[in-house]
Amino acid sequence: MLRTKIKLQKIAFLLAAVYGMTAVALAAMGSHVLNLEKGSVNYLLFNNAVIYQLLHAILVLWLSTLKQVNFWIKSAIYSMLLGILLFSGGLYILVIYGKTYISWITPVGGSLLI
């Protein structure tokens, strides 16, 4: 049991670090590569995706360092890791590729983040 807890915490810590790193990289890409017009819908969507990804990555990072990890903490970690992927990922796909048919994953990810 203890071994599983430590393994989950290490994986969550690593994934949170990767999410944080990619959020910073995507923010730079949004500013320098995509040339999104400030105030445009795509700019705001992309900015929201980056902010939510970074904030929830920090939260998962913190949760993964807790000494006591119970069912609720595990559930929160899993929900946030998947929620970041679906919510922010859905917005990135929408802004970068313009694929609206996949936009249904964004509210699913948002629900997981709540």
N, C-alpha and C. Protein backbone atom coordinates (compact mmCIF):
# COMPACT_ATOMS: atom_id res chain seq x y z
N MET A 1 0.83 -1.19 0.00
CA MET A 1 0.00 0.00 0.00
C MET A 1 0.87 1.26 0.00
N LEU A 2 1.87 1.30 0.86
CA LEU A 2 2.76 2.45 0.94
C LEU A 2 3.50 2.64 -0.37
N ARG A 3 3.92 1.54 -0.97
CA ARG A 3 4.65 1.58 -2.24
C ARG A 3 3.78 2.19 -3.34
N THR A 4 2.50 1.82 -3.38
CA THR A 4 1.57 2.37 -4.37
C THR A 4 1.39 3.87 -4.16
N LYS A 5 1.28 4.29 -2.90
CA LYS A 5 1.11 5.71 -2.58
C LYS A 5 2.30 6.52 -3.07
N ILE A 6 3.49 6.01 -2.78
CA ILE A 6 4.71 6.71 -3.19
C ILE A 6 4.81 6.76 -4.71
N LYS A 7 4.44 5.67 -5.37
CA LYS A 7 4.50 5.63 -6.82
C LYS A 7 3.53 6.65 -7.43
N LEU A 8 2.30 6.70 -6.91
CA LEU A 8 1.31 7.67 -7.40
C LEU A 8 1.83 9.09 -7.20
N GLN A 9 2.40 9.36 -6.05
CA GLN A 9 2.90 10.70 -5.77
C GLN A 9 4.05 11.08 -6.70
N LYS A 10 4.94 10.15 -6.98
CA LYS A 10 6.05 10.43 -7.89
C LYS A 10 5.55 10.69 -9.31
N ILE A 11 4.62 9.87 -9.77
CA ILE A 11 4.06 10.05 -11.11
C ILE A 11 3.30 11.37 -11.20
N ALA A 12 2.49 11.66 -10.20
CA ALA A 12 1.73 12.92 -10.19
C ALA A 12 2.68 14.12 -10.16
N PHE A 13 3.74 14.03 -9.37
CA PHE A 13 4.72 15.11 -9.30
C PHE A 13 5.37 15.33 -10.66
N LEU A 14 5.77 14.23 -11.30
CA LEU A 14 6.41 14.32 -12.61
C LEU A 14 5.46 14.90 -13.66
N LEU A 15 4.23 14.41 -13.70
CA LEU A 15 3.25 14.92 -14.66
C LEU A 15 2.93 16.39 -14.41
N ALA A 16 2.82 16.77 -13.16
CA ALA A 16 2.56 18.18 -12.83
C ALA A 16 3.72 19.06 -13.30
N ALA A 17 4.93 18.58 -13.12
CA ALA A 17 6.10 19.33 -13.59
C ALA A 17 6.08 19.47 -15.11
N VAL A 18 5.73 18.39 -15.79
CA VAL A 18 5.65 18.43 -17.26
C VAL A 18 4.54 19.38 -17.71
N TYR A 19 3.39 19.31 -17.04
CA TYR A 19 2.29 20.23 -17.38
C TYR A 19 2.72 21.69 -17.15
N GLY A 20 3.42 21.95 -16.07
CA GLY A 20 3.89 23.31 -15.80
C GLY A 20 4.88 23.78 -16.85
N MET A 21 5.81 22.90 -17.20
CA MET A 21 6.81 23.23 -18.21
C MET A 21 6.15 23.50 -19.57
N THR A 22 5.21 22.64 -19.96
CA THR A 22 4.56 22.84 -21.25
C THR A 22 3.66 24.08 -21.24
N ALA A 23 3.11 24.43 -20.10
CA ALA A 23 2.30 25.66 -20.02
C ALA A 23 3.16 26.88 -20.31
N VAL A 24 4.36 26.90 -19.74
CA VAL A 24 5.27 28.03 -19.99
C VAL A 24 5.69 28.05 -21.46
N ALA A 25 6.01 26.88 -22.01
CA ALA A 25 6.41 26.80 -23.42
C ALA A 25 5.27 27.22 -24.34
N LEU A 26 4.05 26.79 -24.03
CA LEU A 26 2.90 27.16 -24.85
C LEU A 26 2.58 28.65 -24.73
N ALA A 27 2.78 29.22 -23.56
CA ALA A 27 2.58 30.66 -23.40
C ALA A 27 3.56 31.43 -24.29
N ALA A 28 4.80 30.97 -24.33
CA ALA A 28 5.80 31.61 -25.20
C ALA A 28 5.41 31.43 -26.67
N MET A 29 4.95 30.24 -27.02
CA MET A 29 4.52 29.99 -28.39
C MET A 29 3.35 30.88 -28.76
N GLY A 30 2.41 31.02 -27.83
CA GLY A 30 1.26 31.88 -28.09
C GLY A 30 1.65 33.33 -28.29
N SER A 31 2.67 33.77 -27.59
CA SER A 31 3.11 35.16 -27.71
C SER A 31 3.97 35.42 -28.94
N HIS A 32 4.82 34.46 -29.29
CA HIS A 32 5.83 34.72 -30.32
C HIS A 32 5.59 34.01 -31.65
N VAL A 33 4.86 32.92 -31.65
CA VAL A 33 4.71 32.14 -32.88
C VAL A 33 3.32 32.29 -33.49
N LEU A 34 2.30 32.21 -32.68
CA LEU A 34 0.93 32.20 -33.21
C LEU A 34 0.45 33.57 -33.66
N ASN A 35 1.07 34.62 -33.18
CA ASN A 35 0.66 35.99 -33.54
C ASN A 35 -0.83 36.23 -33.37
N LEU A 36 -1.34 35.86 -32.21
CA LEU A 36 -2.76 36.07 -31.92
C LEU A 36 -2.98 37.54 -31.57
N GLU A 37 -4.01 38.12 -32.14
CA GLU A 37 -4.32 39.52 -31.87
C GLU A 37 -4.83 39.66 -30.45
N LYS A 38 -4.20 40.55 -29.68
CA LYS A 38 -4.62 40.74 -28.28
C LYS A 38 -6.08 41.16 -28.23
N GLY A 39 -6.81 40.52 -27.34
CA GLY A 39 -8.23 40.81 -27.19
C GLY A 39 -9.13 39.97 -28.08
N SER A 40 -8.54 39.25 -29.05
CA SER A 40 -9.36 38.40 -29.91
C SER A 40 -9.84 37.18 -29.13
N VAL A 41 -10.86 36.53 -29.65
CA VAL A 41 -11.41 35.34 -28.99
C VAL A 41 -10.34 34.27 -28.86
N ASN A 42 -9.59 34.02 -29.92
CA ASN A 42 -8.55 32.99 -29.88
C ASN A 42 -7.46 33.33 -28.86
N TYR A 43 -7.11 34.59 -28.76
CA TYR A 43 -6.11 35.03 -27.77
C TYR A 43 -6.60 34.73 -26.36
N LEU A 44 -7.85 35.08 -26.10
CA LEU A 44 -8.42 34.85 -24.76
C LEU A 44 -8.55 33.37 -24.45
N LEU A 45 -8.97 32.57 -25.43
CA LEU A 45 -9.08 31.12 -25.22
C LEU A 45 -7.72 30.51 -24.92
N PHE A 46 -6.72 30.88 -25.72
CA PHE A 46 -5.38 30.34 -25.53
C PHE A 46 -4.82 30.76 -24.17
N ASN A 47 -5.02 32.01 -23.82
CA ASN A 47 -4.55 32.53 -22.53
C ASN A 47 -5.22 31.79 -21.37
N ASN A 48 -6.53 31.56 -21.47
CA ASN A 48 -7.24 30.81 -20.42
C ASN A 48 -6.71 29.39 -20.30
N ALA A 49 -6.44 28.75 -21.44
CA ALA A 49 -5.91 27.39 -21.42
C ALA A 49 -4.57 27.34 -20.68
N VAL A 50 -3.70 28.29 -20.97
CA VAL A 50 -2.38 28.33 -20.32
C VAL A 50 -2.53 28.58 -18.82
N ILE A 51 -3.37 29.54 -18.45
CA ILE A 51 -3.54 29.88 -17.03
C ILE A 51 -4.10 28.70 -16.25
N TYR A 52 -5.15 28.07 -16.78
CA TYR A 52 -5.74 26.93 -16.08
C TYR A 52 -4.76 25.77 -16.00
N GLN A 53 -4.00 25.53 -17.06
CA GLN A 53 -3.02 24.45 -17.03
C GLN A 53 -1.97 24.72 -15.97
N LEU A 54 -1.46 25.92 -15.93
CA LEU A 54 -0.40 26.25 -14.97
C LEU A 54 -0.90 26.21 -13.53
N LEU A 55 -2.05 26.80 -13.27
CA LEU A 55 -2.58 26.81 -11.90
C LEU A 55 -2.88 25.40 -11.39
N HIS A 56 -3.49 24.58 -12.23
CA HIS A 56 -3.81 23.22 -11.79
C HIS A 56 -2.56 22.34 -11.71
N ALA A 57 -1.56 22.62 -12.53
CA ALA A 57 -0.29 21.89 -12.41
C ALA A 57 0.35 22.19 -11.06
N ILE A 58 0.30 23.44 -10.64
CA ILE A 58 0.84 23.81 -9.32
C ILE A 58 0.06 23.10 -8.22
N LEU A 59 -1.25 23.05 -8.35
CA LEU A 59 -2.07 22.38 -7.34
C LEU A 59 -1.76 20.89 -7.27
N VAL A 60 -1.62 20.23 -8.42
CA VAL A 60 -1.27 18.80 -8.43
C VAL A 60 0.12 18.61 -7.84
N LEU A 61 1.03 19.51 -8.16
CA LEU A 61 2.38 19.44 -7.60
C LEU A 61 2.32 19.46 -6.07
N TRP A 62 1.53 20.37 -5.53
CA TRP A 62 1.37 20.48 -4.08
C TRP A 62 0.71 19.22 -3.51
N LEU A 63 -0.38 18.76 -4.14
CA LEU A 63 -1.07 17.57 -3.63
C LEU A 63 -0.16 16.34 -3.63
N SER A 64 0.74 16.26 -4.61
CA SER A 64 1.61 15.09 -4.69
C SER A 64 2.69 15.08 -3.61
N THR A 65 2.84 16.18 -2.89
CA THR A 65 3.84 16.22 -1.82
C THR A 65 3.24 15.97 -0.43
N LEU A 66 1.93 15.81 -0.35
CA LEU A 66 1.29 15.58 0.95
C LEU A 66 1.70 14.23 1.52
N LYS A 67 1.84 14.18 2.83
CA LYS A 67 2.21 12.93 3.49
C LYS A 67 1.04 11.96 3.56
N GLN A 68 -0.13 12.48 3.84
CA GLN A 68 -1.34 11.64 3.94
C GLN A 68 -2.13 11.74 2.63
N VAL A 69 -2.17 10.64 1.89
CA VAL A 69 -2.91 10.62 0.63
C VAL A 69 -4.05 9.61 0.78
N ASN A 70 -5.27 10.13 0.85
CA ASN A 70 -6.42 9.25 0.97
C ASN A 70 -7.16 9.17 -0.36
N PHE A 71 -8.32 8.54 -0.35
CA PHE A 71 -9.12 8.37 -1.56
C PHE A 71 -9.45 9.70 -2.22
N TRP A 72 -9.79 10.70 -1.42
CA TRP A 72 -10.21 12.00 -1.96
C TRP A 72 -9.05 12.74 -2.61
N ILE A 73 -7.89 12.64 -2.02
CA ILE A 73 -6.71 13.29 -2.60
C ILE A 73 -6.34 12.60 -3.91
N LYS A 74 -6.37 11.25 -3.90
CA LYS A 74 -6.09 10.51 -5.14
C LYS A 74 -7.07 10.89 -6.23
N SER A 75 -8.35 10.95 -5.87
CA SER A 75 -9.38 11.31 -6.85
C SER A 75 -9.15 12.71 -7.40
N ALA A 76 -8.76 13.63 -6.53
CA ALA A 76 -8.49 15.01 -6.97
C ALA A 76 -7.30 15.05 -7.93
N ILE A 77 -6.26 14.29 -7.60
CA ILE A 77 -5.08 14.25 -8.47
C ILE A 77 -5.44 13.70 -9.84
N TYR A 78 -6.12 12.55 -9.87
CA TYR A 78 -6.51 11.95 -11.15
C TYR A 78 -7.42 12.88 -11.95
N SER A 79 -8.40 13.48 -11.27
CA SER A 79 -9.34 14.37 -11.95
C SER A 79 -8.63 15.58 -12.55
N MET A 80 -7.72 16.15 -11.79
CA MET A 80 -7.03 17.34 -12.29
C MET A 80 -6.07 17.00 -13.43
N LEU A 81 -5.37 15.88 -13.33
CA LEU A 81 -4.46 15.51 -14.41
C LEU A 81 -5.22 15.29 -15.72
N LEU A 82 -6.34 14.59 -15.64
CA LEU A 82 -7.15 14.37 -16.84
C LEU A 82 -7.85 15.66 -17.26
N GLY A 83 -8.33 16.42 -16.29
CA GLY A 83 -9.02 17.68 -16.59
C GLY A 83 -8.13 18.68 -17.31
N ILE A 84 -6.88 18.78 -16.89
CA ILE A 84 -5.92 19.67 -17.57
C ILE A 84 -5.78 19.25 -19.03
N LEU A 85 -5.60 17.97 -19.23
CA LEU A 85 -5.41 17.46 -20.59
C LEU A 85 -6.61 17.77 -21.47
N LEU A 86 -7.81 17.50 -20.96
CA LEU A 86 -9.01 17.70 -21.76
C LEU A 86 -9.37 19.18 -21.91
N PHE A 87 -9.36 19.93 -20.82
CA PHE A 87 -9.77 21.33 -20.88
C PHE A 87 -8.77 22.16 -21.69
N SER A 88 -7.54 22.20 -21.22
CA SER A 88 -6.55 23.03 -21.92
C SER A 88 -6.23 22.46 -23.29
N GLY A 89 -6.12 21.14 -23.37
CA GLY A 89 -5.84 20.51 -24.66
C GLY A 89 -6.92 20.81 -25.69
N GLY A 90 -8.17 20.76 -25.26
CA GLY A 90 -9.28 21.08 -26.17
C GLY A 90 -9.21 22.51 -26.67
N LEU A 91 -8.86 23.44 -25.78
CA LEU A 91 -8.74 24.84 -26.19
C LEU A 91 -7.54 25.05 -27.11
N TYR A 92 -6.42 24.36 -26.84
CA TYR A 92 -5.26 24.48 -27.72
C TYR A 92 -5.60 23.98 -29.13
N ILE A 93 -6.27 22.85 -29.20
CA ILE A 93 -6.64 22.29 -30.50
C ILE A 93 -7.58 23.24 -31.24
N LEU A 94 -8.52 23.80 -30.52
CA LEU A 94 -9.47 24.74 -31.12
C LEU A 94 -8.75 25.97 -31.68
N VAL A 95 -7.85 26.55 -30.91
CA VAL A 95 -7.16 27.77 -31.34
C VAL A 95 -6.13 27.50 -32.43
N ILE A 96 -5.30 26.47 -32.24
CA ILE A 96 -4.19 26.23 -33.17
C ILE A 96 -4.68 25.62 -34.48
N TYR A 97 -5.55 24.62 -34.39
CA TYR A 97 -5.98 23.90 -35.59
C TYR A 97 -7.37 24.28 -36.07
N GLY A 98 -8.13 24.98 -35.25
CA GLY A 98 -9.49 25.37 -35.64
C GLY A 98 -10.47 24.22 -35.71
N LYS A 99 -10.17 23.14 -35.02
CA LYS A 99 -11.03 21.94 -35.04
C LYS A 99 -12.16 22.11 -34.03
N THR A 100 -13.32 22.49 -34.52
CA THR A 100 -14.46 22.71 -33.62
C THR A 100 -15.17 21.42 -33.25
N TYR A 101 -15.02 20.36 -34.06
CA TYR A 101 -15.73 19.11 -33.77
C TYR A 101 -15.22 18.44 -32.50
N ILE A 102 -14.07 18.81 -32.03
CA ILE A 102 -13.52 18.21 -30.82
C ILE A 102 -13.76 19.09 -29.59
N SER A 103 -14.45 20.20 -29.78
CA SER A 103 -14.63 21.16 -28.68
C SER A 103 -15.47 20.61 -27.52
N TRP A 104 -16.13 19.48 -27.70
CA TRP A 104 -16.93 18.89 -26.62
C TRP A 104 -16.06 18.42 -25.46
N ILE A 105 -14.76 18.19 -25.70
CA ILE A 105 -13.91 17.71 -24.61
C ILE A 105 -13.57 18.81 -23.60
N THR A 106 -13.66 20.06 -24.03
CA THR A 106 -13.32 21.17 -23.14
C THR A 106 -14.23 21.23 -21.91
N PRO A 107 -15.56 21.18 -22.07
CA PRO A 107 -16.41 21.21 -20.87
C PRO A 107 -16.26 19.95 -20.00
N VAL A 108 -15.93 18.82 -20.62
CA VAL A 108 -15.68 17.61 -19.83
C VAL A 108 -14.45 17.83 -18.95
N GLY A 109 -13.40 18.38 -19.54
CA GLY A 109 -12.20 18.69 -18.78
C GLY A 109 -12.45 19.72 -17.70
N GLY A 110 -13.26 20.73 -18.02
CA GLY A 110 -13.61 21.75 -17.03
C GLY A 110 -14.36 21.16 -15.85
N SER A 111 -15.26 20.21 -16.14
CA SER A 111 -16.00 19.54 -15.06
C SER A 111 -15.06 18.75 -14.16
N LEU A 112 -14.06 18.12 -14.75
CA LEU A 112 -13.08 17.38 -13.95
C LEU A 112 -12.23 18.32 -13.09
N LEU A 113 -11.97 19.50 -13.59
CA LEU A 113 -11.19 20.47 -12.81
C LEU A 113 -11.97 21.02 -11.64
N ILE A 114 -13.29 21.09 -11.78
CA ILE A 114 -14.13 21.58 -10.69
C ILE A 114 -14.11 20.57 -9.56
